[in-house]
Amino acid sequence: MARTQGSHSGTTGPRVRKAALGLFAQHGFAAVSMRQIAKEVGVQAGALYNYTPDKQSLLYELMFEHMDALLTARREEAVADMPPIKALENFVRFHIRFHIEKPDEVFIAYMELRALEDSNFAKIEALRRTYENELESILQRGIESGDFALDDARLATFAVLSMLTGVNTWFRAGGRLSLAEVETVYWNMVRRAVVA
């Protein structure tokens, strides 16, 4: 099959992923066909297989890229040897800032996990666990130091992450509060929820 004029892997591959990202976020993974993705990119449906083996691989790639970018950015932002309260503030502010710029990626990463095949799910879940473990470690250190009054660091991790990720569902630039103000409000809520 001849490749579509002007189409080559350096540009079309990223366009395929971008189109899939938008369509999966808008309609859900199960409802989107490879034909729809091809139409969005402007290539023949058969040409998609030059860039991805199948729709499942596309979903996995999108989730992997998101988690890899998250973990890379977090490594660059995290500061070693911070007291637990400062480390927690750093984490809270980072999480909100990073995720607010990626609403489609966040939606897919949380809502389409169930669509992953078992082996792909295990790989993505391991990356998610790496990120969650950092927050859990901060909370556990705070419990041990007496700074945080929590019964269960793991459960508190899930609660904090759910609250922070929820900002993506309602925040819009140009609204009543700036992103910096939202960060501060959420930090104050998290701090009051965990401090002894």
N, C-alpha and C. Protein backbone atom coordinates (compact mmCIF):
# COMPACT_ATOMS: atom_id res chain seq x y z
N MET A 1 0.85 -1.19 0.00
CA MET A 1 0.00 0.00 0.00
C MET A 1 0.89 1.24 0.00
N ALA A 2 0.56 2.19 -0.85
CA ALA A 2 1.34 3.43 -0.91
C ALA A 2 1.00 4.30 0.28
N ARG A 3 2.01 4.92 0.82
CA ARG A 3 1.81 5.83 1.95
C ARG A 3 1.16 7.11 1.45
N THR A 4 0.26 7.67 2.25
CA THR A 4 -0.42 8.91 1.89
C THR A 4 0.62 10.00 1.64
N GLN A 5 0.43 10.77 0.59
CA GLN A 5 1.38 11.83 0.24
C GLN A 5 1.57 12.77 1.44
N GLY A 6 2.83 13.06 1.74
CA GLY A 6 3.14 13.95 2.85
C GLY A 6 3.11 13.26 4.19
N SER A 7 2.84 11.96 4.19
CA SER A 7 2.73 11.22 5.45
C SER A 7 4.03 10.48 5.72
N HIS A 8 4.62 10.70 6.87
CA HIS A 8 5.78 9.90 7.25
C HIS A 8 5.78 9.76 8.77
N SER A 9 6.49 8.74 9.22
CA SER A 9 6.37 8.35 10.63
C SER A 9 6.76 9.45 11.60
N GLY A 10 7.68 10.34 11.20
CA GLY A 10 8.12 11.39 12.11
C GLY A 10 7.01 12.36 12.48
N THR A 11 6.07 12.57 11.56
CA THR A 11 4.97 13.49 11.86
C THR A 11 3.65 12.76 12.02
N THR A 12 3.43 11.72 11.25
CA THR A 12 2.13 11.05 11.29
C THR A 12 1.96 10.23 12.56
N GLY A 13 3.04 9.60 13.03
CA GLY A 13 2.93 8.82 14.28
C GLY A 13 2.41 9.67 15.43
N PRO A 14 3.03 10.83 15.70
CA PRO A 14 2.51 11.70 16.76
C PRO A 14 1.09 12.19 16.49
N ARG A 15 0.75 12.43 15.20
CA ARG A 15 -0.61 12.86 14.87
C ARG A 15 -1.62 11.75 15.16
N VAL A 16 -1.22 10.51 14.92
CA VAL A 16 -2.10 9.37 15.23
C VAL A 16 -2.37 9.33 16.73
N ARG A 17 -1.30 9.48 17.54
CA ARG A 17 -1.48 9.45 19.00
C ARG A 17 -2.32 10.62 19.49
N LYS A 18 -2.10 11.80 18.91
CA LYS A 18 -2.87 12.97 19.31
C LYS A 18 -4.35 12.79 18.97
N ALA A 19 -4.63 12.27 17.78
CA ALA A 19 -6.02 12.04 17.38
C ALA A 19 -6.67 11.00 18.29
N ALA A 20 -5.95 9.92 18.56
CA ALA A 20 -6.49 8.88 19.43
C ALA A 20 -6.76 9.44 20.83
N LEU A 21 -5.84 10.23 21.33
CA LEU A 21 -6.01 10.84 22.65
C LEU A 21 -7.31 11.64 22.71
N GLY A 22 -7.51 12.52 21.75
CA GLY A 22 -8.72 13.34 21.75
C GLY A 22 -9.98 12.54 21.61
N LEU A 23 -9.97 11.56 20.71
CA LEU A 23 -11.17 10.74 20.49
C LEU A 23 -11.47 9.84 21.68
N PHE A 24 -10.43 9.23 22.27
CA PHE A 24 -10.66 8.38 23.45
C PHE A 24 -11.22 9.20 24.61
N ALA A 25 -10.69 10.42 24.78
CA ALA A 25 -11.16 11.27 25.87
C ALA A 25 -12.59 11.73 25.64
N GLN A 26 -12.93 12.00 24.39
CA GLN A 26 -14.26 12.51 24.08
C GLN A 26 -15.33 11.43 24.07
N HIS A 27 -15.00 10.27 23.47
CA HIS A 27 -16.02 9.24 23.25
C HIS A 27 -15.82 7.97 24.08
N GLY A 28 -14.64 7.80 24.65
CA GLY A 28 -14.33 6.55 25.35
C GLY A 28 -13.63 5.58 24.42
N PHE A 29 -12.71 4.83 24.97
CA PHE A 29 -11.90 3.90 24.18
C PHE A 29 -12.76 2.92 23.38
N ALA A 30 -13.74 2.31 24.04
CA ALA A 30 -14.54 1.26 23.40
C ALA A 30 -15.33 1.78 22.21
N ALA A 31 -15.72 3.05 22.25
CA ALA A 31 -16.59 3.60 21.20
C ALA A 31 -15.83 4.10 19.98
N VAL A 32 -14.51 4.16 20.06
CA VAL A 32 -13.71 4.73 18.96
C VAL A 32 -13.15 3.60 18.11
N SER A 33 -13.27 3.75 16.80
CA SER A 33 -12.71 2.76 15.88
C SER A 33 -11.42 3.27 15.26
N MET A 34 -10.65 2.35 14.73
CA MET A 34 -9.42 2.73 14.02
C MET A 34 -9.78 3.59 12.80
N ARG A 35 -10.92 3.32 12.19
CA ARG A 35 -11.37 4.11 11.05
C ARG A 35 -11.59 5.57 11.44
N GLN A 36 -12.16 5.80 12.63
CA GLN A 36 -12.37 7.18 13.12
C GLN A 36 -11.03 7.89 13.34
N ILE A 37 -10.09 7.16 13.92
CA ILE A 37 -8.76 7.74 14.16
C ILE A 37 -8.11 8.11 12.84
N ALA A 38 -8.19 7.20 11.86
CA ALA A 38 -7.61 7.46 10.54
C ALA A 38 -8.24 8.68 9.90
N LYS A 39 -9.55 8.80 10.00
CA LYS A 39 -10.25 9.95 9.42
C LYS A 39 -9.78 11.25 10.07
N GLU A 40 -9.60 11.22 11.40
CA GLU A 40 -9.15 12.42 12.12
C GLU A 40 -7.75 12.84 11.67
N VAL A 41 -6.90 11.84 11.39
CA VAL A 41 -5.52 12.11 10.98
C VAL A 41 -5.45 12.49 9.50
N GLY A 42 -6.42 11.96 8.72
CA GLY A 42 -6.42 12.22 7.28
C GLY A 42 -5.65 11.20 6.49
N VAL A 43 -5.68 9.94 6.99
CA VAL A 43 -5.03 8.84 6.27
C VAL A 43 -6.04 7.72 6.07
N GLN A 44 -5.72 6.80 5.19
CA GLN A 44 -6.55 5.62 5.01
C GLN A 44 -6.46 4.74 6.25
N ALA A 45 -7.55 4.06 6.58
CA ALA A 45 -7.58 3.23 7.80
C ALA A 45 -6.43 2.23 7.81
N GLY A 46 -6.17 1.61 6.66
CA GLY A 46 -5.09 0.62 6.60
C GLY A 46 -3.72 1.21 6.88
N ALA A 47 -3.56 2.50 6.59
CA ALA A 47 -2.26 3.15 6.80
C ALA A 47 -1.93 3.29 8.28
N LEU A 48 -2.94 3.27 9.14
CA LEU A 48 -2.68 3.39 10.59
C LEU A 48 -1.76 2.29 11.09
N TYR A 49 -1.86 1.13 10.46
CA TYR A 49 -1.08 -0.01 10.94
C TYR A 49 0.41 0.14 10.63
N ASN A 50 0.77 1.19 9.89
CA ASN A 50 2.19 1.53 9.74
C ASN A 50 2.72 2.18 11.02
N TYR A 51 1.81 2.65 11.87
CA TYR A 51 2.20 3.44 13.05
C TYR A 51 1.85 2.76 14.36
N THR A 52 0.93 1.81 14.33
CA THR A 52 0.55 1.11 15.55
C THR A 52 -0.04 -0.25 15.18
N PRO A 53 0.24 -1.28 15.96
CA PRO A 53 -0.31 -2.60 15.62
C PRO A 53 -1.83 -2.67 15.78
N ASP A 54 -2.37 -1.93 16.76
CA ASP A 54 -3.81 -2.00 17.02
C ASP A 54 -4.23 -0.91 18.01
N LYS A 55 -5.51 -0.83 18.26
CA LYS A 55 -6.06 0.20 19.14
C LYS A 55 -5.58 0.02 20.58
N GLN A 56 -5.46 -1.21 21.04
CA GLN A 56 -4.98 -1.49 22.40
C GLN A 56 -3.57 -0.94 22.59
N SER A 57 -2.72 -1.13 21.57
CA SER A 57 -1.35 -0.61 21.65
C SER A 57 -1.34 0.91 21.73
N LEU A 58 -2.25 1.55 21.01
CA LEU A 58 -2.37 3.01 21.06
C LEU A 58 -2.73 3.47 22.48
N LEU A 59 -3.71 2.80 23.07
CA LEU A 59 -4.13 3.17 24.43
C LEU A 59 -2.97 2.99 25.41
N TYR A 60 -2.28 1.87 25.31
CA TYR A 60 -1.14 1.62 26.19
C TYR A 60 -0.06 2.69 26.00
N GLU A 61 0.26 3.02 24.73
CA GLU A 61 1.27 4.05 24.46
C GLU A 61 0.90 5.38 25.10
N LEU A 62 -0.37 5.76 24.95
CA LEU A 62 -0.82 7.03 25.51
C LEU A 62 -0.68 7.05 27.02
N MET A 63 -1.07 5.95 27.66
CA MET A 63 -0.96 5.89 29.12
C MET A 63 0.50 5.84 29.56
N PHE A 64 1.30 5.08 28.83
CA PHE A 64 2.72 4.98 29.18
C PHE A 64 3.40 6.35 29.04
N GLU A 65 3.14 7.04 27.93
CA GLU A 65 3.74 8.36 27.73
C GLU A 65 3.35 9.32 28.85
N HIS A 66 2.09 9.27 29.25
CA HIS A 66 1.62 10.14 30.33
C HIS A 66 2.34 9.82 31.65
N MET A 67 2.39 8.54 31.99
CA MET A 67 3.01 8.16 33.26
C MET A 67 4.51 8.41 33.24
N ASP A 68 5.14 8.16 32.10
CA ASP A 68 6.58 8.41 31.98
C ASP A 68 6.87 9.90 32.13
N ALA A 69 6.06 10.75 31.49
CA ALA A 69 6.25 12.20 31.62
C ALA A 69 6.01 12.65 33.05
N LEU A 70 5.01 12.08 33.70
CA LEU A 70 4.71 12.42 35.09
C LEU A 70 5.88 12.07 36.01
N LEU A 71 6.39 10.86 35.89
CA LEU A 71 7.48 10.41 36.76
C LEU A 71 8.77 11.18 36.47
N THR A 72 9.02 11.49 35.21
CA THR A 72 10.21 12.28 34.86
C THR A 72 10.11 13.68 35.45
N ALA A 73 8.95 14.32 35.27
CA ALA A 73 8.76 15.67 35.82
C ALA A 73 8.84 15.66 37.34
N ARG A 74 8.33 14.62 37.94
CA ARG A 74 8.36 14.54 39.40
C ARG A 74 9.78 14.39 39.92
N ARG A 75 10.59 13.58 39.24
CA ARG A 75 12.00 13.42 39.64
C ARG A 75 12.73 14.76 39.59
N GLU A 76 12.38 15.57 38.59
CA GLU A 76 13.04 16.87 38.45
C GLU A 76 12.56 17.87 39.50
N GLU A 77 11.35 17.69 40.00
CA GLU A 77 10.74 18.66 40.93
C GLU A 77 11.00 18.31 42.39
N ALA A 78 11.06 17.02 42.70
CA ALA A 78 11.17 16.60 44.09
C ALA A 78 12.49 17.05 44.70
N VAL A 79 12.44 17.40 45.97
CA VAL A 79 13.63 17.83 46.69
C VAL A 79 13.87 16.85 47.84
N ALA A 80 15.07 16.30 47.88
CA ALA A 80 15.39 15.31 48.92
C ALA A 80 15.51 16.00 50.28
N ASP A 81 15.24 15.23 51.31
CA ASP A 81 15.46 15.65 52.70
C ASP A 81 14.60 16.82 53.16
N MET A 82 13.47 17.03 52.53
CA MET A 82 12.53 18.04 53.03
C MET A 82 11.79 17.48 54.24
N PRO A 83 11.45 18.32 55.21
CA PRO A 83 10.56 17.85 56.28
C PRO A 83 9.24 17.40 55.66
N PRO A 84 8.53 16.46 56.28
CA PRO A 84 7.31 15.92 55.68
C PRO A 84 6.29 16.98 55.25
N ILE A 85 6.10 18.02 56.05
CA ILE A 85 5.09 19.02 55.70
C ILE A 85 5.48 19.78 54.44
N LYS A 86 6.77 20.09 54.29
CA LYS A 86 7.24 20.78 53.08
C LYS A 86 7.20 19.85 51.87
N ALA A 87 7.57 18.59 52.09
CA ALA A 87 7.53 17.61 50.99
C ALA A 87 6.10 17.41 50.51
N LEU A 88 5.16 17.41 51.43
CA LEU A 88 3.76 17.25 51.06
C LEU A 88 3.27 18.46 50.27
N GLU A 89 3.62 19.65 50.70
CA GLU A 89 3.22 20.84 49.94
C GLU A 89 3.81 20.82 48.54
N ASN A 90 5.07 20.44 48.43
CA ASN A 90 5.73 20.34 47.14
C ASN A 90 4.98 19.36 46.24
N PHE A 91 4.59 18.23 46.79
CA PHE A 91 3.88 17.19 46.02
C PHE A 91 2.51 17.70 45.58
N VAL A 92 1.76 18.31 46.49
CA VAL A 92 0.41 18.80 46.19
C VAL A 92 0.46 19.81 45.05
N ARG A 93 1.34 20.78 45.17
CA ARG A 93 1.42 21.84 44.16
C ARG A 93 1.89 21.26 42.81
N PHE A 94 2.85 20.35 42.86
CA PHE A 94 3.32 19.71 41.63
C PHE A 94 2.18 18.96 40.94
N HIS A 95 1.46 18.17 41.70
CA HIS A 95 0.40 17.33 41.13
C HIS A 95 -0.64 18.18 40.40
N ILE A 96 -1.07 19.25 41.04
CA ILE A 96 -2.09 20.10 40.42
C ILE A 96 -1.54 20.76 39.16
N ARG A 97 -0.34 21.34 39.24
CA ARG A 97 0.24 22.03 38.09
C ARG A 97 0.47 21.09 36.90
N PHE A 98 1.00 19.91 37.18
CA PHE A 98 1.31 18.97 36.09
C PHE A 98 0.02 18.51 35.40
N HIS A 99 -0.96 18.13 36.19
CA HIS A 99 -2.16 17.52 35.62
C HIS A 99 -3.10 18.51 34.96
N ILE A 100 -3.09 19.75 35.41
CA ILE A 100 -4.05 20.72 34.87
C ILE A 100 -3.79 20.99 33.39
N GLU A 101 -2.55 20.79 32.95
CA GLU A 101 -2.19 21.03 31.55
C GLU A 101 -2.52 19.86 30.64
N LYS A 102 -2.99 18.75 31.23
CA LYS A 102 -3.17 17.52 30.45
C LYS A 102 -4.53 16.87 30.74
N PRO A 103 -5.63 17.58 30.50
CA PRO A 103 -6.94 17.02 30.88
C PRO A 103 -7.29 15.72 30.17
N ASP A 104 -6.98 15.62 28.87
CA ASP A 104 -7.30 14.39 28.14
C ASP A 104 -6.47 13.22 28.65
N GLU A 105 -5.18 13.46 28.86
CA GLU A 105 -4.29 12.39 29.36
C GLU A 105 -4.74 11.90 30.73
N VAL A 106 -5.12 12.85 31.59
CA VAL A 106 -5.56 12.48 32.94
C VAL A 106 -6.85 11.69 32.88
N PHE A 107 -7.80 12.14 32.08
CA PHE A 107 -9.07 11.44 31.95
C PHE A 107 -8.84 10.00 31.50
N ILE A 108 -8.05 9.84 30.47
CA ILE A 108 -7.79 8.49 29.95
C ILE A 108 -7.03 7.64 30.97
N ALA A 109 -6.04 8.24 31.62
CA ALA A 109 -5.22 7.49 32.58
C ALA A 109 -6.06 6.94 33.73
N TYR A 110 -7.11 7.64 34.10
CA TYR A 110 -7.94 7.18 35.22
C TYR A 110 -9.17 6.41 34.76
N MET A 111 -9.78 6.82 33.67
CA MET A 111 -11.06 6.23 33.28
C MET A 111 -10.94 5.03 32.34
N GLU A 112 -9.81 4.89 31.66
CA GLU A 112 -9.69 3.80 30.70
C GLU A 112 -8.75 2.69 31.14
N LEU A 113 -8.33 2.72 32.39
CA LEU A 113 -7.48 1.63 32.89
C LEU A 113 -8.13 0.26 32.66
N ARG A 114 -9.44 0.23 32.86
CA ARG A 114 -10.17 -1.04 32.73
C ARG A 114 -10.12 -1.59 31.31
N ALA A 115 -9.82 -0.74 30.33
CA ALA A 115 -9.78 -1.17 28.94
C ALA A 115 -8.45 -1.82 28.56
N LEU A 116 -7.45 -1.72 29.43
CA LEU A 116 -6.15 -2.31 29.12
C LEU A 116 -6.19 -3.83 29.28
N GLU A 117 -5.49 -4.50 28.39
CA GLU A 117 -5.30 -5.95 28.55
C GLU A 117 -4.43 -6.18 29.78
N ASP A 118 -4.50 -7.37 30.34
CA ASP A 118 -3.85 -7.66 31.63
C ASP A 118 -2.38 -7.27 31.67
N SER A 119 -1.61 -7.64 30.63
CA SER A 119 -0.16 -7.36 30.68
C SER A 119 0.09 -5.86 30.62
N ASN A 120 -0.67 -5.14 29.81
CA ASN A 120 -0.52 -3.68 29.73
C ASN A 120 -0.97 -3.02 31.03
N PHE A 121 -2.06 -3.53 31.59
CA PHE A 121 -2.55 -2.99 32.86
C PHE A 121 -1.47 -3.11 33.93
N ALA A 122 -0.82 -4.26 34.00
CA ALA A 122 0.20 -4.48 35.03
C ALA A 122 1.35 -3.49 34.90
N LYS A 123 1.75 -3.18 33.67
CA LYS A 123 2.85 -2.24 33.46
C LYS A 123 2.45 -0.82 33.87
N ILE A 124 1.25 -0.40 33.48
CA ILE A 124 0.80 0.95 33.84
C ILE A 124 0.55 1.04 35.34
N GLU A 125 -0.01 0.00 35.91
CA GLU A 125 -0.27 0.01 37.35
C GLU A 125 1.03 0.10 38.14
N ALA A 126 2.09 -0.52 37.64
CA ALA A 126 3.39 -0.43 38.31
C ALA A 126 3.91 1.01 38.29
N LEU A 127 3.72 1.70 37.18
CA LEU A 127 4.14 3.10 37.10
C LEU A 127 3.30 3.98 38.03
N ARG A 128 2.00 3.73 38.06
CA ARG A 128 1.12 4.48 38.97
C ARG A 128 1.53 4.24 40.42
N ARG A 129 1.87 3.01 40.72
CA ARG A 129 2.26 2.67 42.09
C ARG A 129 3.55 3.40 42.49
N THR A 130 4.46 3.56 41.55
CA THR A 130 5.69 4.30 41.83
C THR A 130 5.36 5.72 42.26
N TYR A 131 4.44 6.35 41.55
CA TYR A 131 4.04 7.72 41.87
C TYR A 131 3.31 7.76 43.22
N GLU A 132 2.36 6.87 43.40
CA GLU A 132 1.61 6.81 44.66
C GLU A 132 2.53 6.55 45.84
N ASN A 133 3.54 5.72 45.63
CA ASN A 133 4.45 5.37 46.72
C ASN A 133 5.20 6.58 47.26
N GLU A 134 5.48 7.54 46.38
CA GLU A 134 6.18 8.74 46.88
C GLU A 134 5.30 9.49 47.87
N LEU A 135 4.03 9.68 47.51
CA LEU A 135 3.12 10.38 48.43
C LEU A 135 2.93 9.56 49.70
N GLU A 136 2.76 8.27 49.55
CA GLU A 136 2.58 7.43 50.75
C GLU A 136 3.79 7.53 51.67
N SER A 137 4.99 7.56 51.09
CA SER A 137 6.21 7.66 51.88
C SER A 137 6.26 8.99 52.64
N ILE A 138 5.85 10.07 51.98
CA ILE A 138 5.81 11.38 52.64
C ILE A 138 4.84 11.33 53.83
N LEU A 139 3.66 10.78 53.59
CA LEU A 139 2.65 10.70 54.65
C LEU A 139 3.12 9.80 55.80
N GLN A 140 3.77 8.69 55.46
CA GLN A 140 4.26 7.78 56.50
C GLN A 140 5.35 8.45 57.33
N ARG A 141 6.24 9.20 56.67
CA ARG A 141 7.27 9.91 57.43
C ARG A 141 6.64 10.93 58.38
N GLY A 142 5.58 11.58 57.92
CA GLY A 142 4.89 12.55 58.76
C GLY A 142 4.20 11.91 59.95
N ILE A 143 3.67 10.71 59.75
CA ILE A 143 3.06 9.96 60.86
C ILE A 143 4.13 9.61 61.88
N GLU A 144 5.25 9.10 61.38
CA GLU A 144 6.33 8.66 62.28
C GLU A 144 6.97 9.82 63.03
N SER A 145 6.99 11.00 62.41
CA SER A 145 7.59 12.16 63.08
C SER A 145 6.60 12.84 64.03
N GLY A 146 5.33 12.43 63.94
CA GLY A 146 4.30 13.06 64.77
C GLY A 146 3.71 14.31 64.16
N ASP A 147 4.12 14.65 62.93
CA ASP A 147 3.58 15.83 62.26
C ASP A 147 2.18 15.60 61.69
N PHE A 148 1.90 14.37 61.29
CA PHE A 148 0.61 14.06 60.67
C PHE A 148 -0.19 13.12 61.57
N ALA A 149 -1.47 13.38 61.66
CA ALA A 149 -2.37 12.54 62.45
C ALA A 149 -3.24 11.73 61.49
N LEU A 150 -2.70 10.63 61.01
CA LEU A 150 -3.41 9.78 60.06
C LEU A 150 -3.41 8.35 60.57
N ASP A 151 -4.50 7.65 60.33
CA ASP A 151 -4.58 6.25 60.75
C ASP A 151 -3.94 5.30 59.75
N ASP A 152 -3.97 5.68 58.46
CA ASP A 152 -3.51 4.76 57.42
C ASP A 152 -2.93 5.58 56.27
N ALA A 153 -1.63 5.52 56.09
CA ALA A 153 -0.97 6.33 55.06
C ALA A 153 -1.42 5.93 53.66
N ARG A 154 -1.65 4.64 53.44
CA ARG A 154 -2.06 4.19 52.09
C ARG A 154 -3.43 4.73 51.74
N LEU A 155 -4.37 4.62 52.66
CA LEU A 155 -5.72 5.12 52.42
C LEU A 155 -5.70 6.65 52.24
N ALA A 156 -4.91 7.32 53.04
CA ALA A 156 -4.79 8.78 52.92
C ALA A 156 -4.19 9.15 51.56
N THR A 157 -3.28 8.35 51.04
CA THR A 157 -2.70 8.58 49.72
C THR A 157 -3.78 8.60 48.66
N PHE A 158 -4.65 7.59 48.68
CA PHE A 158 -5.72 7.54 47.69
C PHE A 158 -6.67 8.73 47.83
N ALA A 159 -6.97 9.10 49.07
CA ALA A 159 -7.89 10.22 49.30
C ALA A 159 -7.29 11.53 48.77
N VAL A 160 -6.02 11.78 49.07
CA VAL A 160 -5.37 13.02 48.63
C VAL A 160 -5.28 13.05 47.11
N LEU A 161 -4.86 11.95 46.49
CA LEU A 161 -4.74 11.92 45.04
C LEU A 161 -6.08 12.14 44.35
N SER A 162 -7.13 11.53 44.89
CA SER A 162 -8.47 11.73 44.30
C SER A 162 -8.88 13.19 44.38
N MET A 163 -8.63 13.80 45.52
CA MET A 163 -9.00 15.20 45.68
C MET A 163 -8.22 16.09 44.71
N LEU A 164 -6.92 15.87 44.62
CA LEU A 164 -6.08 16.72 43.77
C LEU A 164 -6.40 16.53 42.28
N THR A 165 -6.60 15.30 41.88
CA THR A 165 -6.88 15.02 40.47
C THR A 165 -8.25 15.56 40.08
N GLY A 166 -9.14 15.70 41.04
CA GLY A 166 -10.46 16.24 40.77
C GLY A 166 -10.45 17.67 40.28
N VAL A 167 -9.36 18.40 40.53
CA VAL A 167 -9.27 19.79 40.05
C VAL A 167 -9.47 19.83 38.54
N ASN A 168 -8.98 18.80 37.84
CA ASN A 168 -9.11 18.77 36.38
C ASN A 168 -10.55 18.79 35.89
N THR A 169 -11.48 18.34 36.70
CA THR A 169 -12.86 18.25 36.25
C THR A 169 -13.56 19.61 36.23
N TRP A 170 -13.04 20.58 36.99
CA TRP A 170 -13.77 21.85 37.06
C TRP A 170 -12.93 23.10 36.77
N PHE A 171 -11.61 23.03 36.92
CA PHE A 171 -10.80 24.24 36.76
C PHE A 171 -10.76 24.70 35.31
N ARG A 172 -10.96 26.00 35.11
CA ARG A 172 -10.81 26.62 33.80
C ARG A 172 -10.01 27.90 33.97
N ALA A 173 -9.00 28.07 33.14
CA ALA A 173 -8.21 29.31 33.18
C ALA A 173 -9.14 30.49 32.94
N GLY A 174 -8.89 31.57 33.64
CA GLY A 174 -9.73 32.75 33.49
C GLY A 174 -10.94 32.76 34.39
N GLY A 175 -11.05 31.74 35.25
CA GLY A 175 -12.17 31.67 36.19
C GLY A 175 -11.94 32.57 37.39
N ARG A 176 -12.75 32.37 38.41
CA ARG A 176 -12.70 33.22 39.61
C ARG A 176 -11.35 33.15 40.30
N LEU A 177 -10.74 31.98 40.32
CA LEU A 177 -9.44 31.80 40.99
C LEU A 177 -8.37 31.44 39.97
N SER A 178 -7.18 31.98 40.17
CA SER A 178 -6.04 31.59 39.32
C SER A 178 -5.58 30.20 39.74
N LEU A 179 -4.75 29.59 38.90
CA LEU A 179 -4.21 28.28 39.24
C LEU A 179 -3.39 28.35 40.52
N ALA A 180 -2.60 29.41 40.70
CA ALA A 180 -1.80 29.56 41.92
C ALA A 180 -2.70 29.64 43.15
N GLU A 181 -3.82 30.34 43.03
CA GLU A 181 -4.75 30.43 44.16
C GLU A 181 -5.39 29.09 44.45
N VAL A 182 -5.75 28.35 43.40
CA VAL A 182 -6.33 27.02 43.59
C VAL A 182 -5.32 26.10 44.28
N GLU A 183 -4.07 26.15 43.83
CA GLU A 183 -3.02 25.36 44.49
C GLU A 183 -2.98 25.64 45.99
N THR A 184 -3.02 26.92 46.35
CA THR A 184 -2.93 27.30 47.76
C THR A 184 -4.14 26.83 48.54
N VAL A 185 -5.34 26.98 47.97
CA VAL A 185 -6.56 26.52 48.65
C VAL A 185 -6.49 25.01 48.87
N TYR A 186 -6.09 24.28 47.84
CA TYR A 186 -6.01 22.82 47.97
C TYR A 186 -4.91 22.42 48.95
N TRP A 187 -3.80 23.12 48.91
CA TRP A 187 -2.74 22.81 49.87
C TRP A 187 -3.25 23.01 51.29
N ASN A 188 -3.96 24.09 51.53
CA ASN A 188 -4.50 24.34 52.88
C ASN A 188 -5.48 23.25 53.30
N MET A 189 -6.30 22.77 52.36
CA MET A 189 -7.24 21.68 52.69
C MET A 189 -6.49 20.39 53.03
N VAL A 190 -5.48 20.07 52.23
CA VAL A 190 -4.69 18.86 52.49
C VAL A 190 -3.97 18.99 53.83
N ARG A 191 -3.36 20.15 54.05
CA ARG A 191 -2.61 20.35 55.31
C ARG A 191 -3.52 20.19 56.53
N ARG A 192 -4.69 20.80 56.48
CA ARG A 192 -5.61 20.67 57.62
C ARG A 192 -6.10 19.24 57.81
N ALA A 193 -6.18 18.51 56.72
CA ALA A 193 -6.65 17.12 56.81
C ALA A 193 -5.63 16.19 57.43
N VAL A 194 -4.34 16.53 57.33
CA VAL A 194 -3.32 15.58 57.77
C VAL A 194 -2.57 15.98 59.02
N VAL A 195 -2.53 17.29 59.34
CA VAL A 195 -1.67 17.70 60.45
C VAL A 195 -2.21 17.22 61.79
N ALA A 196 -1.26 16.97 62.69
CA ALA A 196 -1.63 16.53 64.03
C ALA A 196 -2.24 17.69 64.80
